[in-house]
């Protein structure tokens, strides 16, 4: 779940609504969740403190990272932390291993075109 560190309402919506939705509709109790504060490059405009967000993530059992999509700071870390944690949970790692990759559909062939001007069926 991502919020904007410069817009406190995005954090409030996340804590009041989106995290509850994720908890309610998650199909796997072992699901790993991460809270990401975006726009780290706008530190001078920050309205949501790192401490506030980190405390919320810790209380909910979420991973936490702050990043900047614009400068790419910590973006890769988000994915590394999340995938690393998934691999530490046996149930999730096993599911990932057993998930089959989608098979490509065979190419469809067009029906043969009639040679003449009329077709008899």
PDB file of N, CA and C in Angstrom:
ATOM      1  N   UNK A   1       0.843  -1.156   0.000  1.00  0.00           N
ATOM      2  CA  UNK A   1       0.000   0.000   0.000  1.00  0.00           C
ATOM      3  C   UNK A   1       0.896   1.230   0.000  1.00  0.00           C
ATOM      4  N   UNK A   2       0.517   2.211  -0.806  1.00  0.00           N
ATOM      5  CA  UNK A   2       1.361   3.391  -0.998  1.00  0.00           C
ATOM      6  C   UNK A   2       0.593   4.649  -0.589  1.00  0.00           C
ATOM      7  N   UNK A   3       1.282   5.528   0.099  1.00  0.00           N
ATOM      8  CA  UNK A   3       0.732   6.842   0.425  1.00  0.00           C
ATOM      9  C   UNK A   3       1.759   7.895   0.024  1.00  0.00           C
ATOM     10  N   UNK A   4       1.306   9.128  -0.056  1.00  0.00           N
ATOM     11  CA  UNK A   4       2.142  10.267  -0.441  1.00  0.00           C
ATOM     12  C   UNK A   4       2.577  10.983   0.839  1.00  0.00           C
ATOM     13  N   UNK A   5       3.873  11.076   1.087  1.00  0.00           N
ATOM     14  CA  UNK A   5       4.364  11.692   2.329  1.00  0.00           C
ATOM     15  C   UNK A   5       4.031  13.182   2.406  1.00  0.00           C
ATOM     16  N   UNK A   6       3.632  13.795   1.287  1.00  0.00           N
ATOM     17  CA  UNK A   6       3.296  15.222   1.278  1.00  0.00           C
ATOM     18  C   UNK A   6       1.797  15.472   1.430  1.00  0.00           C
ATOM     19  N   UNK A   7       1.000  14.411   1.400  1.00  0.00           N
ATOM     20  CA  UNK A   7      -0.463  14.554   1.489  1.00  0.00           C
ATOM     21  C   UNK A   7      -1.003  13.655   2.594  1.00  0.00           C
ATOM     22  N   UNK A   8      -1.223  14.209   3.782  1.00  0.00           N
ATOM     23  CA  UNK A   8      -1.656  13.390   4.911  1.00  0.00           C
ATOM     24  C   UNK A   8      -2.976  12.661   4.684  1.00  0.00           C
ATOM     25  N   UNK A   9      -3.835  13.200   3.823  1.00  0.00           N
ATOM     26  CA  UNK A   9      -5.112  12.526   3.573  1.00  0.00           C
ATOM     27  C   UNK A   9      -4.904  11.165   2.908  1.00  0.00           C
ATOM     28  N   UNK A  10      -3.825  11.007   2.152  1.00  0.00           N
ATOM     29  CA  UNK A  10      -3.569   9.700   1.534  1.00  0.00           C
ATOM     30  C   UNK A  10      -3.198   8.671   2.596  1.00  0.00           C
ATOM     31  N   UNK A  11      -2.495   9.109   3.616  1.00  0.00           N
ATOM     32  CA  UNK A  11      -2.145   8.213   4.728  1.00  0.00           C
ATOM     33  C   UNK A  11      -3.392   7.896   5.551  1.00  0.00           C
ATOM     34  N   UNK A  12      -4.226   8.906   5.784  1.00  0.00           N
ATOM     35  CA  UNK A  12      -5.463   8.704   6.544  1.00  0.00           C
ATOM     36  C   UNK A  12      -6.398   7.741   5.816  1.00  0.00           C
ATOM     37  N   UNK A  13      -6.554   7.920   4.505  1.00  0.00           N
ATOM     38  CA  UNK A  13      -7.404   6.996   3.736  1.00  0.00           C
ATOM     39  C   UNK A  13      -6.855   5.576   3.813  1.00  0.00           C
ATOM     40  N   UNK A  14      -5.557   5.474   3.767  1.00  0.00           N
ATOM     41  CA  UNK A  14      -4.920   4.160   3.831  1.00  0.00           C
ATOM     42  C   UNK A  14      -5.204   3.496   5.182  1.00  0.00           C
ATOM     43  N   UNK A  15      -5.020   4.254   6.268  1.00  0.00           N
ATOM     44  CA  UNK A  15      -5.213   3.665   7.598  1.00  0.00           C
ATOM     45  C   UNK A  15      -6.681   3.436   7.916  1.00  0.00           C
ATOM     46  N   UNK A  16      -7.553   4.331   7.453  1.00  0.00           N
ATOM     47  CA  UNK A  16      -8.978   4.216   7.771  1.00  0.00           C
ATOM     48  C   UNK A  16      -9.732   3.257   6.859  1.00  0.00           C
ATOM     49  N   UNK A  17      -9.293   3.140   5.620  1.00  0.00           N
ATOM     50  CA  UNK A  17     -10.078   2.359   4.675  1.00  0.00           C
ATOM     51  C   UNK A  17      -9.295   1.258   3.970  1.00  0.00           C
ATOM     52  N   UNK A  18      -8.225   1.602   3.255  1.00  0.00           N
ATOM     53  CA  UNK A  18      -7.575   0.633   2.379  1.00  0.00           C
ATOM     54  C   UNK A  18      -6.962  -0.540   3.132  1.00  0.00           C
ATOM     55  N   UNK A  19      -6.349  -0.295   4.260  1.00  0.00           N
ATOM     56  CA  UNK A  19      -5.748  -1.422   4.983  1.00  0.00           C
ATOM     57  C   UNK A  19      -6.829  -2.372   5.492  1.00  0.00           C
ATOM     58  N   UNK A  20      -7.980  -1.828   5.858  1.00  0.00           N
ATOM     59  CA  UNK A  20      -9.096  -2.683   6.301  1.00  0.00           C
ATOM     60  C   UNK A  20      -9.617  -3.527   5.144  1.00  0.00           C
ATOM     61  N   UNK A  21      -9.683  -2.920   3.964  1.00  0.00           N
ATOM     62  CA  UNK A  21     -10.118  -3.662   2.771  1.00  0.00           C
ATOM     63  C   UNK A  21      -9.156  -4.811   2.471  1.00  0.00           C
ATOM     64  N   UNK A  22      -7.876  -4.530   2.549  1.00  0.00           N
ATOM     65  CA  UNK A  22      -6.875  -5.569   2.286  1.00  0.00           C
ATOM     66  C   UNK A  22      -7.029  -6.701   3.296  1.00  0.00           C
ATOM     67  N   UNK A  23      -7.183  -6.365   4.564  1.00  0.00           N
ATOM     68  CA  UNK A  23      -7.341  -7.391   5.599  1.00  0.00           C
ATOM     69  C   UNK A  23      -8.615  -8.203   5.365  1.00  0.00           C
ATOM     70  N   UNK A  24      -9.684  -7.528   5.009  1.00  0.00           N
ATOM     71  CA  UNK A  24     -10.971  -8.196   4.827  1.00  0.00           C
ATOM     72  C   UNK A  24     -10.980  -9.133   3.621  1.00  0.00           C
ATOM     73  N   UNK A  25     -10.379  -8.709   2.530  1.00  0.00           N
ATOM     74  CA  UNK A  25     -10.487  -9.473   1.290  1.00  0.00           C
ATOM     75  C   UNK A  25      -9.253 -10.301   0.942  1.00  0.00           C
ATOM     76  N   UNK A  26      -8.248 -10.264   1.769  1.00  0.00           N
ATOM     77  CA  UNK A  26      -7.063 -11.079   1.520  1.00  0.00           C
ATOM     78  C   UNK A  26      -7.447 -12.552   1.610  1.00  0.00           C
ATOM     79  N   UNK A  27      -7.058 -13.320   0.626  1.00  0.00           N
ATOM     80  CA  UNK A  27      -7.434 -14.735   0.598  1.00  0.00           C
ATOM     81  C   UNK A  27      -6.422 -15.629   1.297  1.00  0.00           C
ATOM     82  N   UNK A  28      -5.324 -15.050   1.756  1.00  0.00           N
ATOM     83  CA  UNK A  28      -4.288 -15.843   2.409  1.00  0.00           C
ATOM     84  C   UNK A  28      -3.861 -15.132   3.685  1.00  0.00           C
ATOM     85  N   UNK A  29      -4.034 -15.799   4.811  1.00  0.00           N
ATOM     86  CA  UNK A  29      -3.693 -15.167   6.087  1.00  0.00           C
ATOM     87  C   UNK A  29      -2.200 -14.869   6.204  1.00  0.00           C
ATOM     88  N   UNK A  30      -1.375 -15.539   5.418  1.00  0.00           N
ATOM     89  CA  UNK A  30       0.068 -15.306   5.442  1.00  0.00           C
ATOM     90  C   UNK A  30       0.508 -14.212   4.467  1.00  0.00           C
ATOM     91  N   UNK A  31      -0.442 -13.555   3.844  1.00  0.00           N
ATOM     92  CA  UNK A  31      -0.138 -12.518   2.851  1.00  0.00           C
ATOM     93  C   UNK A  31       0.797 -11.466   3.454  1.00  0.00           C
ATOM     94  N   UNK A  32       1.856 -11.156   2.738  1.00  0.00           N
ATOM     95  CA  UNK A  32       2.824 -10.153   3.186  1.00  0.00           C
ATOM     96  C   UNK A  32       2.378  -8.788   2.668  1.00  0.00           C
ATOM     97  N   UNK A  33       2.384  -7.826   3.562  1.00  0.00           N
ATOM     98  CA  UNK A  33       1.960  -6.478   3.189  1.00  0.00           C
ATOM     99  C   UNK A  33       3.106  -5.500   3.433  1.00  0.00           C
ATOM    100  N   UNK A  34       3.170  -4.495   2.584  1.00  0.00           N
ATOM    101  CA  UNK A  34       4.204  -3.473   2.721  1.00  0.00           C
ATOM    102  C   UNK A  34       3.548  -2.098   2.634  1.00  0.00           C
ATOM    103  N   UNK A  35       3.987  -1.216   3.493  1.00  0.00           N
ATOM    104  CA  UNK A  35       3.543   0.170   3.481  1.00  0.00           C
ATOM    105  C   UNK A  35       4.683   0.995   2.905  1.00  0.00           C
ATOM    106  N   UNK A  36       4.398   1.717   1.832  1.00  0.00           N
ATOM    107  CA  UNK A  36       5.437   2.506   1.165  1.00  0.00           C
ATOM    108  C   UNK A  36       5.032   3.973   1.136  1.00  0.00           C
ATOM    109  N   UNK A  37       5.885   4.803   1.711  1.00  0.00           N
ATOM    110  CA  UNK A  37       5.693   6.246   1.638  1.00  0.00           C
ATOM    111  C   UNK A  37       6.410   6.763   0.405  1.00  0.00           C
ATOM    112  N   UNK A  38       5.663   7.340  -0.514  1.00  0.00           N
ATOM    113  CA  UNK A  38       6.241   7.813  -1.769  1.00  0.00           C
ATOM    114  C   UNK A  38       6.500   9.319  -1.724  1.00  0.00           C
ATOM    115  N   UNK A  39       7.272   9.805  -2.651  1.00  0.00           N
ATOM    116  CA  UNK A  39       7.681  11.203  -2.812  1.00  0.00           C
ATOM    117  C   UNK A  39       8.717  11.605  -1.765  1.00  0.00           C
ATOM    118  N   UNK A  40       9.602  10.697  -1.473  1.00  0.00           N
ATOM    119  CA  UNK A  40      10.699  10.970  -0.551  1.00  0.00           C
ATOM    120  C   UNK A  40      11.558  12.130  -1.051  1.00  0.00           C
ATOM    121  N   UNK A  41      11.529  12.374  -2.355  1.00  0.00           N
ATOM    122  CA  UNK A  41      12.295  13.480  -2.943  1.00  0.00           C
ATOM    123  C   UNK A  41      11.729  14.851  -2.562  1.00  0.00           C
ATOM    124  N   UNK A  42      10.529  14.886  -1.979  1.00  0.00           N
ATOM    125  CA  UNK A  42       9.908  16.155  -1.572  1.00  0.00           C
ATOM    126  C   UNK A  42       9.936  16.307  -0.051  1.00  0.00           C
ATOM    127  N   UNK A  43      11.093  16.056   0.519  1.00  0.00           N
ATOM    128  CA  UNK A  43      11.271  16.095   1.976  1.00  0.00           C
ATOM    129  C   UNK A  43      10.827  17.431   2.576  1.00  0.00           C
ATOM    130  N   UNK A  44      11.080  18.525   1.890  1.00  0.00           N
ATOM    131  CA  UNK A  44      10.715  19.845   2.422  1.00  0.00           C
ATOM    132  C   UNK A  44       9.200  20.049   2.491  1.00  0.00           C
ATOM    133  N   UNK A  45       8.441  19.231   1.758  1.00  0.00           N
ATOM    134  CA  UNK A  45       6.980  19.333   1.754  1.00  0.00           C
ATOM    135  C   UNK A  45       6.325  18.234   2.591  1.00  0.00           C
ATOM    136  N   UNK A  46       7.119  17.452   3.283  1.00  0.00           N
ATOM    137  CA  UNK A  46       6.627  16.303   4.046  1.00  0.00           C
ATOM    138  C   UNK A  46       5.585  16.732   5.088  1.00  0.00           C
ATOM    139  N   UNK A  47       4.491  15.957   5.139  1.00  0.00           N
ATOM    140  CA  UNK A  47       3.447  16.181   6.139  1.00  0.00           C
ATOM    141  C   UNK A  47       3.221  14.935   6.997  1.00  0.00           C
ATOM    142  N   UNK A  48       3.573  13.774   6.470  1.00  0.00           N
ATOM    143  CA  UNK A  48       3.444  12.521   7.226  1.00  0.00           C
ATOM    144  C   UNK A  48       4.845  12.130   7.682  1.00  0.00           C
ATOM    145  N   UNK A  49       5.047  12.058   8.994  1.00  0.00           N
ATOM    146  CA  UNK A  49       6.386  11.749   9.494  1.00  0.00           C
ATOM    147  C   UNK A  49       6.718  10.279   9.290  1.00  0.00           C
ATOM    148  N   UNK A  50       7.988  10.028   9.148  1.00  0.00           N
ATOM    149  CA  UNK A  50       8.459   8.653   9.001  1.00  0.00           C
ATOM    150  C   UNK A  50       8.108   7.853  10.254  1.00  0.00           C
ATOM    151  N   UNK A  51       8.225   8.481  11.405  1.00  0.00           N
ATOM    152  CA  UNK A  51       7.937   7.800  12.672  1.00  0.00           C
ATOM    153  C   UNK A  51       6.473   7.375  12.756  1.00  0.00           C
ATOM    154  N   UNK A  52       5.567   8.255  12.330  1.00  0.00           N
ATOM    155  CA  UNK A  52       4.138   7.944  12.361  1.00  0.00           C
ATOM    156  C   UNK A  52       3.819   6.748  11.462  1.00  0.00           C
ATOM    157  N   UNK A  53       4.329   6.786  10.254  1.00  0.00           N
ATOM    158  CA  UNK A  53       4.061   5.708   9.298  1.00  0.00           C
ATOM    159  C   UNK A  53       4.728   4.407   9.728  1.00  0.00           C
ATOM    160  N   UNK A  54       5.941   4.504  10.213  1.00  0.00           N
ATOM    161  CA  UNK A  54       6.667   3.316  10.666  1.00  0.00           C
ATOM    162  C   UNK A  54       5.958   2.660  11.844  1.00  0.00           C
ATOM    163  N   UNK A  55       5.470   3.472  12.777  1.00  0.00           N
ATOM    164  CA  UNK A  55       4.747   2.937  13.938  1.00  0.00           C
ATOM    165  C   UNK A  55       3.465   2.233  13.498  1.00  0.00           C
ATOM    166  N   UNK A  56       2.756   2.814  12.533  1.00  0.00           N
ATOM    167  CA  UNK A  56       1.539   2.187  12.021  1.00  0.00           C
ATOM    168  C   UNK A  56       1.865   0.848  11.368  1.00  0.00           C
ATOM    169  N   UNK A  57       2.890   0.841  10.520  1.00  0.00           N
ATOM    170  CA  UNK A  57       3.287  -0.395   9.836  1.00  0.00           C
ATOM    171  C   UNK A  57       3.673  -1.468  10.850  1.00  0.00           C
ATOM    172  N   UNK A  58       4.424  -1.093  11.857  1.00  0.00           N
ATOM    173  CA  UNK A  58       4.853  -2.054  12.876  1.00  0.00           C
ATOM    174  C   UNK A  58       3.650  -2.610  13.632  1.00  0.00           C
ATOM    175  N   UNK A  59       2.705  -1.744  13.990  1.00  0.00           N
ATOM    176  CA  UNK A  59       1.513  -2.184  14.722  1.00  0.00           C
ATOM    177  C   UNK A  59       0.671  -3.158  13.896  1.00  0.00           C
ATOM    178  N   UNK A  60       0.648  -2.980  12.585  1.00  0.00           N
ATOM    179  CA  UNK A  60      -0.137  -3.847  11.701  1.00  0.00           C
ATOM    180  C   UNK A  60       0.641  -5.064  11.210  1.00  0.00           C
ATOM    181  N   UNK A  61       1.951  -5.091  11.463  1.00  0.00           N
ATOM    182  CA  UNK A  61       2.770  -6.202  10.987  1.00  0.00           C
ATOM    183  C   UNK A  61       3.165  -6.071   9.526  1.00  0.00           C
ATOM    184  N   UNK A  62       3.184  -4.855   9.009  1.00  0.00           N
ATOM    185  CA  UNK A  62       3.552  -4.606   7.619  1.00  0.00           C
ATOM    186  C   UNK A  62       5.043  -4.302   7.527  1.00  0.00           C
ATOM    187  N   UNK A  63       5.624  -4.577   6.384  1.00  0.00           N
ATOM    188  CA  UNK A  63       6.953  -4.065   6.081  1.00  0.00           C
ATOM    189  C   UNK A  63       6.798  -2.567   5.840  1.00  0.00           C
ATOM    190  N   UNK A  64       7.880  -1.824   5.971  1.00  0.00           N
ATOM    191  CA  UNK A  64       7.795  -0.374   5.764  1.00  0.00           C
ATOM    192  C   UNK A  64       9.025   0.131   5.033  1.00  0.00           C
ATOM    193  N   UNK A  65       8.784   1.020   4.077  1.00  0.00           N
ATOM    194  CA  UNK A  65       9.882   1.670   3.355  1.00  0.00           C
ATOM    195  C   UNK A  65       9.373   3.010   2.823  1.00  0.00           C
ATOM    196  N   UNK A  66      10.280   3.956   2.737  1.00  0.00           N
ATOM    197  CA  UNK A  66       9.967   5.212   2.068  1.00  0.00           C
ATOM    198  C   UNK A  66      10.784   5.260   0.788  1.00  0.00           C
ATOM    199  N   UNK A  67      10.181   5.806  -0.262  1.00  0.00           N
ATOM    200  CA  UNK A  67      10.842   5.787  -1.564  1.00  0.00           C
ATOM    201  C   UNK A  67      10.454   7.011  -2.384  1.00  0.00           C
ATOM    202  N   UNK A  68      11.071   7.115  -3.534  1.00  0.00           N
ATOM    203  CA  UNK A  68      10.725   8.155  -4.499  1.00  0.00           C
ATOM    204  C   UNK A  68      10.639   7.508  -5.875  1.00  0.00           C
ATOM    205  N   UNK A  69       9.452   7.510  -6.428  1.00  0.00           N
ATOM    206  CA  UNK A  69       9.300   6.984  -7.786  1.00  0.00           C
ATOM    207  C   UNK A  69      10.024   7.893  -8.784  1.00  0.00           C
ATOM    208  N   UNK A  70      10.081   9.172  -8.471  1.00  0.00           N
ATOM    209  CA  UNK A  70      10.714  10.135  -9.380  1.00  0.00           C
ATOM    210  C   UNK A  70      12.224   9.911  -9.477  1.00  0.00           C
ATOM    211  N   UNK A  71      12.888   9.770  -8.330  1.00  0.00           N
ATOM    212  CA  UNK A  71      14.347   9.590  -8.340  1.00  0.00           C
ATOM    213  C   UNK A  71      14.753   8.120  -8.273  1.00  0.00           C
ATOM    214  N   UNK A  72      13.778   7.253  -8.081  1.00  0.00           N
ATOM    215  CA  UNK A  72      13.966   5.800  -7.954  1.00  0.00           C
ATOM    216  C   UNK A  72      14.623   5.387  -6.635  1.00  0.00           C
ATOM    217  N   UNK A  73      14.789   6.318  -5.716  1.00  0.00           N
ATOM    218  CA  UNK A  73      15.396   5.989  -4.426  1.00  0.00           C
ATOM    219  C   UNK A  73      14.518   4.981  -3.677  1.00  0.00           C
ATOM    220  N   UNK A  74      15.109   3.881  -3.302  1.00  0.00           N
ATOM    221  CA  UNK A  74      14.484   2.804  -2.519  1.00  0.00           C
ATOM    222  C   UNK A  74      13.364   2.047  -3.243  1.00  0.00           C
ATOM    223  N   UNK A  75      13.128   2.324  -4.512  1.00  0.00           N
ATOM    224  CA  UNK A  75      12.081   1.592  -5.232  1.00  0.00           C
ATOM    225  C   UNK A  75      12.449   0.113  -5.328  1.00  0.00           C
ATOM    226  N   UNK A  76      13.665  -0.166  -5.713  1.00  0.00           N
ATOM    227  CA  UNK A  76      14.105  -1.559  -5.802  1.00  0.00           C
ATOM    228  C   UNK A  76      14.072  -2.222  -4.426  1.00  0.00           C
ATOM    229  N   UNK A  77      14.391  -1.465  -3.381  1.00  0.00           N
ATOM    230  CA  UNK A  77      14.365  -1.986  -2.014  1.00  0.00           C
ATOM    231  C   UNK A  77      12.960  -2.466  -1.642  1.00  0.00           C
ATOM    232  N   UNK A  78      11.945  -1.744  -2.081  1.00  0.00           N
ATOM    233  CA  UNK A  78      10.559  -2.166  -1.822  1.00  0.00           C
ATOM    234  C   UNK A  78      10.336  -3.591  -2.321  1.00  0.00           C
ATOM    235  N   UNK A  79      10.733  -3.828  -3.558  1.00  0.00           N
ATOM    236  CA  UNK A  79      10.522  -5.138  -4.164  1.00  0.00           C
ATOM    237  C   UNK A  79      11.434  -6.204  -3.559  1.00  0.00           C
ATOM    238  N   UNK A  80      12.652  -5.827  -3.243  1.00  0.00           N
ATOM    239  CA  UNK A  80      13.570  -6.784  -2.621  1.00  0.00           C
ATOM    240  C   UNK A  80      13.081  -7.188  -1.233  1.00  0.00           C
ATOM    241  N   UNK A  81      12.663  -6.209  -0.433  1.00  0.00           N
ATOM    242  CA  UNK A  81      12.163  -6.515   0.907  1.00  0.00           C
ATOM    243  C   UNK A  81      10.923  -7.401   0.836  1.00  0.00           C
ATOM    244  N   UNK A  82      10.011  -7.051  -0.056  1.00  0.00           N
ATOM    245  CA  UNK A  82       8.771  -7.805  -0.187  1.00  0.00           C
ATOM    246  C   UNK A  82       9.023  -9.228  -0.676  1.00  0.00           C
ATOM    247  N   UNK A  83       9.803  -9.382  -1.727  1.00  0.00           N
ATOM    248  CA  UNK A  83      10.066 -10.729  -2.254  1.00  0.00           C
ATOM    249  C   UNK A  83      10.890 -11.547  -1.267  1.00  0.00           C
ATOM    250  N   UNK A  84      11.825 -10.906  -0.577  1.00  0.00           N
ATOM    251  CA  UNK A  84      12.612 -11.621   0.434  1.00  0.00           C
ATOM    252  C   UNK A  84      11.742 -12.152   1.549  1.00  0.00           C
ATOM    253  N   UNK A  85      10.785 -11.353   1.988  1.00  0.00           N
ATOM    254  CA  UNK A  85       9.878 -11.778   3.064  1.00  0.00           C
ATOM    255  C   UNK A  85       8.958 -12.900   2.583  1.00  0.00           C
ATOM    256  N   UNK A  86       8.494 -12.804   1.353  1.00  0.00           N
ATOM    257  CA  UNK A  86       7.640 -13.858   0.799  1.00  0.00           C
ATOM    258  C   UNK A  86       8.382 -15.191   0.802  1.00  0.00           C
ATOM    259  N   UNK A  87       9.652 -15.164   0.434  1.00  0.00           N
ATOM    260  CA  UNK A  87      10.440 -16.398   0.394  1.00  0.00           C
ATOM    261  C   UNK A  87      10.709 -16.964   1.786  1.00  0.00           C
ATOM    262  N   UNK A  88      10.574 -16.150   2.824  1.00  0.00           N
ATOM    263  CA  UNK A  88      10.768 -16.618   4.198  1.00  0.00           C
ATOM    264  C   UNK A  88       9.526 -17.298   4.768  1.00  0.00           C
ATOM    265  N   UNK A  89       8.389 -17.132   4.115  1.00  0.00           N
ATOM    266  CA  UNK A  89       7.137 -17.723   4.592  1.00  0.00           C
ATOM    267  C   UNK A  89       6.895 -18.997   3.789  1.00  0.00           C
ATOM    268  N   UNK A  90       7.076 -20.165   4.426  1.00  0.00           N
ATOM    269  CA  UNK A  90       7.000 -21.432   3.684  1.00  0.00           C
ATOM    270  C   UNK A  90       5.734 -21.586   2.847  1.00  0.00           C
ATOM    271  N   UNK A  91       4.597 -21.234   3.396  1.00  0.00           N
ATOM    272  CA  UNK A  91       3.334 -21.375   2.681  1.00  0.00           C
ATOM    273  C   UNK A  91       3.343 -20.566   1.382  1.00  0.00           C
ATOM    274  N   UNK A  92       3.833 -19.339   1.435  1.00  0.00           N
ATOM    275  CA  UNK A  92       3.854 -18.488   0.244  1.00  0.00           C
ATOM    276  C   UNK A  92       4.913 -18.929  -0.751  1.00  0.00           C
ATOM    277  N   UNK A  93       6.066 -19.324  -0.249  1.00  0.00           N
ATOM    278  CA  UNK A  93       7.134 -19.791  -1.135  1.00  0.00           C
ATOM    279  C   UNK A  93       6.687 -21.044  -1.885  1.00  0.00           C
ATOM    280  N   UNK A  94       6.003 -21.939  -1.196  1.00  0.00           N
ATOM    281  CA  UNK A  94       5.517 -23.172  -1.823  1.00  0.00           C
ATOM    282  C   UNK A  94       4.461 -22.858  -2.878  1.00  0.00           C
ATOM    283  N   UNK A  95       3.566 -21.930  -2.560  1.00  0.00           N
ATOM    284  CA  UNK A  95       2.546 -21.540  -3.533  1.00  0.00           C
ATOM    285  C   UNK A  95       3.185 -20.961  -4.789  1.00  0.00           C
ATOM    286  N   UNK A  96       4.189 -20.140  -4.605  1.00  0.00           N
ATOM    287  CA  UNK A  96       4.863 -19.532  -5.754  1.00  0.00           C
ATOM    288  C   UNK A  96       5.534 -20.591  -6.612  1.00  0.00           C
ATOM    289  N   UNK A  97       6.108 -21.596  -5.957  1.00  0.00           N
ATOM    290  CA  UNK A  97       6.799 -22.656  -6.687  1.00  0.00           C
ATOM    291  C   UNK A  97       5.809 -23.504  -7.487  1.00  0.00           C
ATOM    292  N   UNK A  98       4.612 -23.702  -6.935  1.00  0.00           N
ATOM    293  CA  UNK A  98       3.630 -24.572  -7.572  1.00  0.00           C
ATOM    294  C   UNK A  98       2.704 -23.846  -8.541  1.00  0.00           C
ATOM    295  N   UNK A  99       2.841 -22.559  -8.636  1.00  0.00           N
ATOM    296  CA  UNK A  99       1.993 -21.802  -9.546  1.00  0.00           C
ATOM    297  C   UNK A  99       2.452 -22.057 -10.972  1.00  0.00           C
ATOM    298  N   UNK A 100       1.516 -22.486 -11.778  1.00  0.00           N
ATOM    299  CA  UNK A 100       1.887 -22.749 -13.168  1.00  0.00           C
ATOM    300  C   UNK A 100       1.853 -21.451 -13.957  1.00  0.00           C
ATOM    301  N   UNK A 101       2.733 -21.374 -14.900  1.00  0.00           N
ATOM    302  CA  UNK A 101       2.781 -20.203 -15.761  1.00  0.00           C
ATOM    303  C   UNK A 101       1.690 -20.346 -16.813  1.00  0.00           C
ATOM    304  N   UNK A 102       1.062 -19.235 -17.188  1.00  0.00           N
ATOM    305  CA  UNK A 102       0.029 -19.323 -18.219  1.00  0.00           C
ATOM    306  C   UNK A 102       0.615 -19.836 -19.529  1.00  0.00           C
ATOM    307  N   UNK A 103      -0.107 -20.734 -20.139  1.00  0.00           N
ATOM    308  CA  UNK A 103       0.331 -21.300 -21.408  1.00  0.00           C
ATOM    309  C   UNK A 103      -0.187 -20.431 -22.548  1.00  0.00           C
ATOM    310  N   UNK A 104       0.653 -20.164 -23.522  1.00  0.00           N
ATOM    311  CA  UNK A 104       0.186 -19.351 -24.653  1.00  0.00           C
ATOM    312  C   UNK A 104      -0.876 -20.107 -25.437  1.00  0.00           C
ATOM    313  N   UNK A 105      -1.834 -19.357 -25.942  1.00  0.00           N
ATOM    314  CA  UNK A 105      -2.890 -19.966 -26.748  1.00  0.00           C
ATOM    315  C   UNK A 105      -2.324 -20.304 -28.121  1.00  0.00           C
ATOM    316  N   UNK A 106      -2.736 -21.448 -28.667  1.00  0.00           N
ATOM    317  CA  UNK A 106      -2.261 -21.782 -30.016  1.00  0.00           C
ATOM    318  C   UNK A 106      -2.831 -20.777 -31.016  1.00  0.00           C
ATOM    319  N   UNK A 107      -2.080 -20.495 -32.052  1.00  0.00           N
ATOM    320  CA  UNK A 107      -2.584 -19.531 -33.044  1.00  0.00           C
ATOM    321  C   UNK A 107      -3.833 -20.074 -33.721  1.00  0.00           C
ATOM    322  N   UNK A 108      -4.780 -19.189 -33.916  1.00  0.00           N
ATOM    323  CA  UNK A 108      -6.016 -19.604 -34.571  1.00  0.00           C
ATOM    324  C   UNK A 108      -5.821 -19.515 -36.076  1.00  0.00           C
ATOM    325  N   UNK A 109      -6.321 -20.541 -36.738  1.00  0.00           N
ATOM    326  CA  UNK A 109      -6.224 -20.528 -38.197  1.00  0.00           C
ATOM    327  C   UNK A 109      -7.565 -20.092 -38.761  1.00  0.00           C
ATOM    328  N   UNK A 110      -7.517 -19.309 -39.796  1.00  0.00           N
ATOM    329  CA  UNK A 110      -8.737 -18.839 -40.439  1.00  0.00           C
ATOM    330  C   UNK A 110      -9.339 -19.979 -41.244  1.00  0.00           C
ATOM    331  N   UNK A 111     -10.669 -20.038 -41.305  1.00  0.00           N
ATOM    332  CA  UNK A 111     -11.291 -21.085 -42.123  1.00  0.00           C
ATOM    333  C   UNK A 111     -10.901 -20.887 -43.587  1.00  0.00           C
ATOM    334  N   UNK A 112     -10.808 -21.992 -44.332  1.00  0.00           N
ATOM    335  CA  UNK A 112     -10.407 -21.864 -45.738  1.00  0.00           C
ATOM    336  C   UNK A 112     -11.398 -21.016 -46.520  1.00  0.00           C
ATOM    337  N   UNK A 113     -10.865 -20.205 -47.406  1.00  0.00           N
ATOM    338  CA  UNK A 113     -11.712 -19.353 -48.238  1.00  0.00           C
ATOM    339  C   UNK A 113     -12.147 -20.154 -49.464  1.00  0.00           C
ATOM    340  N   UNK A 114     -13.386 -19.938 -49.881  1.00  0.00           N
ATOM    341  CA  UNK A 114     -13.847 -20.657 -51.083  1.00  0.00           C
ATOM    342  C   UNK A 114     -13.088 -20.187 -52.325  1.00  0.00           C
ATOM    343  N   UNK A 115     -12.912 -21.130 -53.264  1.00  0.00           N
ATOM    344  CA  UNK A 115     -12.184 -20.803 -54.489  1.00  0.00           C
ATOM    345  C   UNK A 115     -13.053 -20.048 -55.490  1.00  0.00           C
ATOM    346  N   UNK A 116     -14.324 -20.319 -55.478  1.00  0.00           N
ATOM    347  CA  UNK A 116     -15.200 -19.703 -56.478  1.00  0.00           C
ATOM    348  C   UNK A 116     -16.015 -18.567 -55.893  1.00  0.00           C
ATOM    349  N   UNK A 117     -17.005 -18.166 -56.682  1.00  0.00           N
ATOM    350  CA  UNK A 117     -17.832 -17.053 -56.238  1.00  0.00           C
ATOM    351  C   UNK A 117     -18.994 -17.522 -55.377  1.00  0.00           C
ATOM    352  N   UNK A 118     -19.271 -18.814 -55.342  1.00  0.00           N
ATOM    353  CA  UNK A 118     -20.395 -19.340 -54.575  1.00  0.00           C
ATOM    354  C   UNK A 118     -19.912 -20.430 -53.627  1.00  0.00           C
ATOM    355  N   UNK A 119     -20.581 -20.528 -52.500  1.00  0.00           N
ATOM    356  CA  UNK A 119     -20.245 -21.569 -51.541  1.00  0.00           C
ATOM    357  C   UNK A 119     -21.491 -22.380 -51.268  1.00  0.00           C
ATOM    358  N   UNK A 120     -21.385 -23.701 -51.340  1.00  0.00           N
ATOM    359  CA  UNK A 120     -22.503 -24.589 -51.043  1.00  0.00           C
ATOM    360  C   UNK A 120     -22.250 -25.199 -49.673  1.00  0.00           C
ATOM    361  N   UNK A 121     -23.263 -25.125 -48.855  1.00  0.00           N
ATOM    362  CA  UNK A 121     -23.117 -25.698 -47.516  1.00  0.00           C
ATOM    363  C   UNK A 121     -23.993 -26.890 -47.348  1.00  0.00           C
TER     364      UNK A 121
END
